[in-house]
């Protein structure tokens, strides 16, 4: 394939935030009398308000999102870059890349600033599209903003919903096994799976993409 741009999910791909998110969702689930395990399974790669709609249709998704955001703010200090993220992003200096996340703009910007990761020029957030992952809209929008055909975009995702969105947009999806198994990501139609961001960097280098340090 020809790689003209790389699109990264954020949580579980560039930021190790699973512990923080799990604490938030467990706290919220307990407060709402819900099964935390069932709720947690429906959070990956999705907007919080979409998860709320699925697990608690009687609640106001917008109001619950505000509560979840406040809870997450209290966990900001525990979020760190995924191993290899700084080196990988540095290697992409001068190359087209973007982040495509179901998260909120303010929170992602704050987490990147706190962890020393640089934000790319193109950023797509859950609020930028009507239909979030697993719908293809977010990745199609990122490709459009970069001026690149979706078929020439390599997507790095850790969640089946994100892989499904990437494939539906016409991108090539690489599954990163930080939060889900290779089997689960393969079932979502990831082209291949890797265990680390170092593997992603090697893959990109094999295709001659990434000319930074």
Protein backbone atom coordinates (compact mmCIF):
# COMPACT_ATOMS: atom_id res chain seq x y z
CA UNK A 1 0.00 0.00 0.00
CA UNK A 2 0.95 3.63 -0.35
CA UNK A 3 1.04 5.50 2.97
CA UNK A 4 0.45 9.23 2.61
CA UNK A 5 -0.70 9.93 6.19
CA UNK A 6 -1.04 8.26 9.57
CA UNK A 7 -4.11 8.67 11.77
CA UNK A 8 -3.83 7.84 15.47
CA UNK A 9 -6.46 7.16 18.05
CA UNK A 10 -5.44 8.72 21.38
CA UNK A 11 -6.52 6.69 24.42
CA UNK A 12 -4.77 3.35 24.44
CA UNK A 13 -2.60 4.32 21.46
CA UNK A 14 -0.70 7.48 22.36
CA UNK A 15 -1.85 7.89 25.96
CA UNK A 16 -1.95 5.16 28.59
CA UNK A 17 -5.23 6.22 30.13
CA UNK A 18 -7.06 2.94 30.65
CA UNK A 19 -6.57 2.98 34.42
CA UNK A 20 -7.92 6.50 34.72
CA UNK A 21 -10.92 5.80 32.51
CA UNK A 22 -11.67 2.55 34.33
CA UNK A 23 -11.73 4.35 37.68
CA UNK A 24 -14.05 7.02 36.27
CA UNK A 25 -16.47 4.55 34.73
CA UNK A 26 -16.48 2.31 37.82
CA UNK A 27 -17.28 5.33 40.03
CA UNK A 28 -20.02 6.46 37.67
CA UNK A 29 -21.49 2.96 37.33
CA UNK A 30 -21.65 2.50 41.10
CA UNK A 31 -23.37 5.86 41.52
CA UNK A 32 -25.95 4.91 38.89
CA UNK A 33 -26.52 1.35 40.13
CA UNK A 34 -25.10 -0.23 36.97
CA UNK A 35 -22.88 -3.26 36.41
CA UNK A 36 -19.38 -1.78 36.00
CA UNK A 37 -18.13 -4.68 33.88
CA UNK A 38 -20.94 -4.36 31.36
CA UNK A 39 -20.49 -0.59 31.20
CA UNK A 40 -16.71 -0.84 30.79
CA UNK A 41 -17.03 -3.19 27.83
CA UNK A 42 -19.02 -0.54 25.95
CA UNK A 43 -16.65 2.38 26.50
CA UNK A 44 -13.70 1.63 24.23
CA UNK A 45 -13.33 3.88 21.21
CA UNK A 46 -16.67 5.56 21.81
CA UNK A 47 -17.94 8.92 23.00
CA UNK A 48 -19.00 8.80 26.66
CA UNK A 49 -22.46 10.06 25.83
CA UNK A 50 -22.94 7.21 23.34
CA UNK A 51 -22.03 4.71 26.05
CA UNK A 52 -24.50 6.37 28.42
CA UNK A 53 -27.28 6.03 25.83
CA UNK A 54 -26.62 2.30 25.56
CA UNK A 55 -26.36 1.46 29.24
CA UNK A 56 -28.75 3.98 30.82
CA UNK A 57 -31.30 5.22 28.30
CA UNK A 58 -33.27 6.93 31.08
CA UNK A 59 -30.42 9.36 31.83
CA UNK A 60 -29.54 12.58 30.03
CA UNK A 61 -26.35 11.82 28.01
CA UNK A 62 -25.20 15.45 27.98
CA UNK A 63 -25.53 15.83 31.75
CA UNK A 64 -23.82 12.51 32.41
CA UNK A 65 -20.99 13.49 30.05
CA UNK A 66 -20.37 16.59 32.14
CA UNK A 67 -20.16 14.44 35.27
CA UNK A 68 -17.82 11.97 33.59
CA UNK A 69 -15.60 14.82 32.41
CA UNK A 70 -15.37 16.18 35.96
CA UNK A 71 -14.42 12.76 37.27
CA UNK A 72 -11.80 12.36 34.54
CA UNK A 73 -10.28 15.72 35.37
CA UNK A 74 -9.47 14.37 38.83
CA UNK A 75 -7.48 11.52 37.25
CA UNK A 76 -5.40 13.60 34.84
CA UNK A 77 -2.21 13.17 36.84
CA UNK A 78 -2.21 9.39 36.36
CA UNK A 79 -2.20 9.53 32.55
CA UNK A 80 1.12 8.92 30.83
CA UNK A 81 2.27 8.48 27.22
CA UNK A 82 2.20 4.94 25.88
CA UNK A 83 5.74 3.59 25.70
CA UNK A 84 7.35 4.71 22.46
CA UNK A 85 4.88 7.52 21.75
CA UNK A 86 7.36 10.44 22.03
CA UNK A 87 9.90 8.77 19.74
CA UNK A 88 7.26 7.77 17.22
CA UNK A 89 5.74 11.23 16.98
CA UNK A 90 9.18 12.80 16.75
CA UNK A 91 9.97 10.52 13.82
CA UNK A 92 6.87 11.87 12.05
CA UNK A 93 8.00 15.49 12.23
CA UNK A 94 7.27 17.01 8.84
CA UNK A 95 5.05 14.10 7.75
CA UNK A 96 1.24 14.24 7.50
CA UNK A 97 -0.44 12.77 10.56
CA UNK A 98 -3.50 13.42 12.69
CA UNK A 99 -5.26 12.32 15.84
CA UNK A 100 -8.79 10.95 15.57
CA UNK A 101 -10.41 10.47 18.94
CA UNK A 102 -13.82 10.16 20.56
CA UNK A 103 -12.48 12.29 23.40
CA UNK A 104 -13.03 15.98 24.08
CA UNK A 105 -10.76 18.67 22.65
CA UNK A 106 -9.93 20.39 25.96
CA UNK A 107 -9.09 17.19 27.77
CA UNK A 108 -6.90 15.80 24.99
CA UNK A 109 -5.04 19.10 24.63
CA UNK A 110 -4.43 19.22 28.38
CA UNK A 111 -3.21 15.63 28.49
CA UNK A 112 -0.85 16.15 25.56
CA UNK A 113 0.54 19.32 27.14
CA UNK A 114 1.01 17.63 30.52
CA UNK A 115 2.80 14.64 29.00
CA UNK A 116 4.94 16.61 26.58
CA UNK A 117 3.43 15.20 23.40
CA UNK A 118 3.02 17.52 20.43
CA UNK A 119 -0.41 17.92 18.87
CA UNK A 120 -0.62 17.65 15.08
CA UNK A 121 -2.16 20.32 12.88
CA UNK A 122 -5.14 18.09 12.13
CA UNK A 123 -7.20 16.93 15.11
CA UNK A 124 -10.63 15.30 14.94
CA UNK A 125 -12.69 14.94 18.10
CA UNK A 126 -15.96 13.25 18.93
CA UNK A 127 -17.76 16.58 18.82
CA UNK A 128 -16.61 17.21 15.24
CA UNK A 129 -18.88 14.56 13.73
CA UNK A 130 -22.53 13.67 14.02
CA UNK A 131 -21.84 9.95 14.06
CA UNK A 132 -18.82 8.82 16.09
CA UNK A 133 -16.91 5.52 16.00
CA UNK A 134 -17.71 2.86 14.86
CA UNK A 135 -19.14 5.10 12.10
CA UNK A 136 -16.51 6.14 9.51
CA UNK A 137 -17.16 9.89 9.68
CA UNK A 138 -14.22 10.81 11.92
CA UNK A 139 -11.57 9.13 9.79
CA UNK A 140 -13.11 10.40 6.56
CA UNK A 141 -12.99 13.92 8.00
CA UNK A 142 -9.33 13.57 9.02
CA UNK A 143 -8.34 12.33 5.57
CA UNK A 144 -10.23 15.21 3.98
CA UNK A 145 -8.53 17.79 6.20
CA UNK A 146 -5.15 16.31 5.33
CA UNK A 147 -5.99 16.28 1.63
CA UNK A 148 -5.25 12.57 1.40
CA UNK A 149 -7.34 9.69 0.06
CA UNK A 150 -8.61 7.44 2.87
CA UNK A 151 -7.10 4.43 1.11
CA UNK A 152 -3.66 6.02 1.62
CA UNK A 153 -4.20 6.55 5.36
CA UNK A 154 -2.80 4.10 7.88
CA UNK A 155 -4.86 4.10 11.07
CA UNK A 156 -3.47 2.93 14.42
CA UNK A 157 -6.27 1.83 16.76
CA UNK A 158 -6.53 -0.21 19.96
CA UNK A 159 -10.32 -0.76 20.03
CA UNK A 160 -12.56 -2.81 17.74
CA UNK A 161 -14.96 0.14 17.33
CA UNK A 162 -12.09 2.28 16.06
CA UNK A 163 -10.87 -0.41 13.68
CA UNK A 164 -14.40 -0.81 12.32
CA UNK A 165 -14.63 2.94 11.76
CA UNK A 166 -11.29 3.06 9.96
CA UNK A 167 -12.13 0.15 7.68
CA UNK A 168 -15.57 1.60 6.91
CA UNK A 169 -13.88 4.88 5.90
CA UNK A 170 -11.66 3.01 3.45
CA UNK A 171 -8.47 3.29 5.50
CA UNK A 172 -6.02 0.53 6.36
CA UNK A 173 -6.22 -0.29 10.07
CA UNK A 174 -3.38 -1.55 12.24
CA UNK A 175 -4.47 -2.93 15.60
CA UNK A 176 -2.33 -2.08 18.63
CA UNK A 177 -2.81 -4.73 21.31
CA UNK A 178 -2.66 -2.44 24.34
CA UNK A 179 -6.28 -2.88 25.43
CA UNK A 180 -7.70 -5.64 23.20
CA UNK A 181 -6.50 -8.96 21.89
CA UNK A 182 -5.24 -9.61 18.41
CA UNK A 183 -8.26 -11.84 17.89
CA UNK A 184 -10.72 -9.08 18.78
CA UNK A 185 -8.97 -6.54 16.57
CA UNK A 186 -8.70 -9.06 13.75
CA UNK A 187 -12.42 -9.77 13.94
CA UNK A 188 -12.97 -6.03 13.51
CA UNK A 189 -10.90 -6.35 10.29
CA UNK A 190 -7.55 -4.91 11.29
CA UNK A 191 -5.12 -5.56 8.43
CA UNK A 192 -2.49 -6.62 10.97
CA UNK A 193 -1.80 -6.30 14.67
CA UNK A 194 1.30 -5.14 16.53
CA UNK A 195 2.28 -5.15 20.19
CA UNK A 196 3.99 -1.78 20.51
CA UNK A 197 4.47 1.66 19.02
CA UNK A 198 8.04 0.64 18.24
CA UNK A 199 6.49 -1.92 15.89
CA UNK A 200 4.39 0.83 14.33
CA UNK A 201 7.50 2.94 13.79
CA UNK A 202 9.28 0.00 12.14
CA UNK A 203 6.28 -0.62 9.91
CA UNK A 204 6.18 2.99 8.78
CA UNK A 205 9.92 3.02 8.18
CA UNK A 206 9.56 -0.07 5.98
CA UNK A 207 7.20 1.94 3.80
CA UNK A 208 9.55 4.95 3.80
CA UNK A 209 7.15 7.07 5.86
CA UNK A 210 8.49 9.35 8.56
CA UNK A 211 11.62 11.36 7.97
CA UNK A 212 12.13 12.91 11.38
CA UNK A 213 14.80 11.92 13.88
